[in-house]
């Protein structure tokens, strides 16, 4: 029962942390008011409805009505346990925590990170 409770608490905090790195806004071009928008504009790029685009370590999704939701893909790791180290992420958008003895294995405990947006 204690493990179940711990997992539930972690899930709640995890969702809140992820949600804090996203923003939502209306980016649809205003037409005649009667025609629903066919997509969104983000950084001079058109994104069709129900599509997404990744640019500069941020992914934006366009939903019906021209609502754009953008989330940061980059995390900056600030603390790792003694058996881990920090390496650059393959996509160039942040860091990864990996085991000292095996860089192919992610370090899944005792890692602290902040969003790249928090550092700007």
Protein backbone atom coordinates (compact mmCIF):
# COMPACT_ATOMS: atom_id res chain seq x y z
CA UNK A 1 0.00 0.00 0.00
CA UNK A 2 2.87 2.40 0.81
CA UNK A 3 4.39 1.81 -2.63
CA UNK A 4 1.07 2.58 -4.30
CA UNK A 5 0.77 5.82 -2.34
CA UNK A 6 4.34 6.82 -3.23
CA UNK A 7 3.69 6.20 -6.94
CA UNK A 8 0.50 8.29 -6.80
CA UNK A 9 2.30 11.20 -5.12
CA UNK A 10 5.13 11.07 -7.68
CA UNK A 11 2.65 11.04 -10.55
CA UNK A 12 0.86 14.12 -9.21
CA UNK A 13 4.11 16.06 -8.79
CA UNK A 14 5.41 14.84 -12.16
CA UNK A 15 2.32 16.06 -13.98
CA UNK A 16 2.53 19.43 -12.25
CA UNK A 17 6.23 19.80 -13.12
CA UNK A 18 5.63 18.91 -16.77
CA UNK A 19 2.61 21.18 -17.00
CA UNK A 20 4.71 24.08 -15.69
CA UNK A 21 6.91 23.86 -18.79
CA UNK A 22 4.04 24.25 -21.26
CA UNK A 23 1.97 27.18 -22.40
CA UNK A 24 -1.23 27.41 -24.41
CA UNK A 25 -2.50 30.29 -26.52
CA UNK A 26 -4.68 31.06 -29.53
CA UNK A 27 -2.50 31.59 -32.59
CA UNK A 28 -5.00 31.14 -35.38
CA UNK A 29 -5.24 33.81 -38.05
CA UNK A 30 -8.51 35.68 -37.68
CA UNK A 31 -10.63 35.11 -40.75
CA UNK A 32 -14.24 36.13 -41.22
CA UNK A 33 -15.29 34.66 -37.86
CA UNK A 34 -17.49 32.02 -39.48
CA UNK A 35 -14.69 29.93 -40.95
CA UNK A 36 -12.88 27.74 -38.40
CA UNK A 37 -9.09 28.10 -38.48
CA UNK A 38 -7.26 25.43 -40.47
CA UNK A 39 -4.14 25.60 -38.36
CA UNK A 40 -1.83 27.66 -36.19
CA UNK A 41 1.15 29.94 -36.68
CA UNK A 42 4.23 29.59 -34.51
CA UNK A 43 7.53 31.41 -35.11
CA UNK A 44 6.54 32.14 -38.72
CA UNK A 45 5.71 28.46 -39.35
CA UNK A 46 2.28 27.09 -40.20
CA UNK A 47 1.12 23.99 -38.30
CA UNK A 48 -1.98 22.18 -39.51
CA UNK A 49 -4.75 21.24 -37.10
CA UNK A 50 -3.88 18.07 -35.12
CA UNK A 51 -0.21 18.38 -36.14
CA UNK A 52 2.95 19.39 -34.33
CA UNK A 53 6.29 21.03 -35.04
CA UNK A 54 9.55 20.94 -33.06
CA UNK A 55 11.92 23.89 -33.27
CA UNK A 56 14.63 25.18 -30.93
CA UNK A 57 13.98 22.49 -28.28
CA UNK A 58 10.27 23.28 -28.07
CA UNK A 59 7.39 21.26 -29.50
CA UNK A 60 4.08 22.91 -30.37
CA UNK A 61 0.81 21.11 -31.09
CA UNK A 62 -2.06 22.73 -32.97
CA UNK A 63 -5.57 21.69 -32.01
CA UNK A 64 -8.98 22.61 -33.39
CA UNK A 65 -9.87 26.26 -33.16
CA UNK A 66 -6.27 27.36 -33.61
CA UNK A 67 -5.23 26.63 -30.03
CA UNK A 68 -1.48 26.16 -29.81
CA UNK A 69 0.17 24.27 -26.93
CA UNK A 70 3.96 24.51 -26.69
CA UNK A 71 6.22 22.56 -24.34
CA UNK A 72 9.95 22.81 -23.68
CA UNK A 73 11.84 19.63 -24.57
CA UNK A 74 15.08 20.53 -22.79
CA UNK A 75 16.02 19.82 -19.21
CA UNK A 76 19.20 21.02 -17.52
CA UNK A 77 20.37 18.50 -14.93
CA UNK A 78 21.72 20.18 -11.82
CA UNK A 79 22.35 17.20 -9.51
CA UNK A 80 23.10 13.49 -9.90
CA UNK A 81 24.02 10.75 -7.41
CA UNK A 82 27.63 9.56 -7.07
CA UNK A 83 27.14 6.60 -9.46
CA UNK A 84 25.94 8.86 -12.30
CA UNK A 85 27.22 11.67 -14.51
CA UNK A 86 25.74 14.37 -16.74
CA UNK A 87 26.14 14.14 -20.53
CA UNK A 88 24.63 16.25 -23.33
CA UNK A 89 21.38 14.89 -24.80
CA UNK A 90 21.71 13.46 -28.31
CA UNK A 91 19.24 15.99 -29.74
CA UNK A 92 21.20 18.94 -28.34
CA UNK A 93 18.25 19.97 -26.18
CA UNK A 94 19.51 19.60 -22.65
CA UNK A 95 21.25 16.97 -20.60
CA UNK A 96 20.95 13.30 -19.65
CA UNK A 97 21.93 11.59 -16.42
CA UNK A 98 23.69 8.28 -17.16
CA UNK A 99 25.47 5.62 -15.13
CA UNK A 100 29.21 6.15 -14.72
CA UNK A 101 29.98 2.60 -15.84
CA UNK A 102 27.48 2.49 -18.73
CA UNK A 103 26.50 5.65 -20.64
CA UNK A 104 23.73 3.71 -22.41
CA UNK A 105 21.87 3.30 -19.11
CA UNK A 106 19.92 6.28 -17.79
CA UNK A 107 20.21 7.18 -14.13
CA UNK A 108 16.67 7.01 -12.75
CA UNK A 109 17.17 7.97 -9.08
CA UNK A 110 18.34 11.07 -7.24
CA UNK A 111 18.40 13.31 -10.33
CA UNK A 112 17.39 16.97 -10.07
CA UNK A 113 16.69 19.05 -13.18
CA UNK A 114 15.18 22.34 -14.29
CA UNK A 115 13.64 23.34 -17.59
CA UNK A 116 15.76 25.35 -20.02
CA UNK A 117 12.91 27.92 -20.02
CA UNK A 118 13.50 28.44 -16.27
CA UNK A 119 17.09 29.43 -17.04
CA UNK A 120 16.17 32.10 -19.59
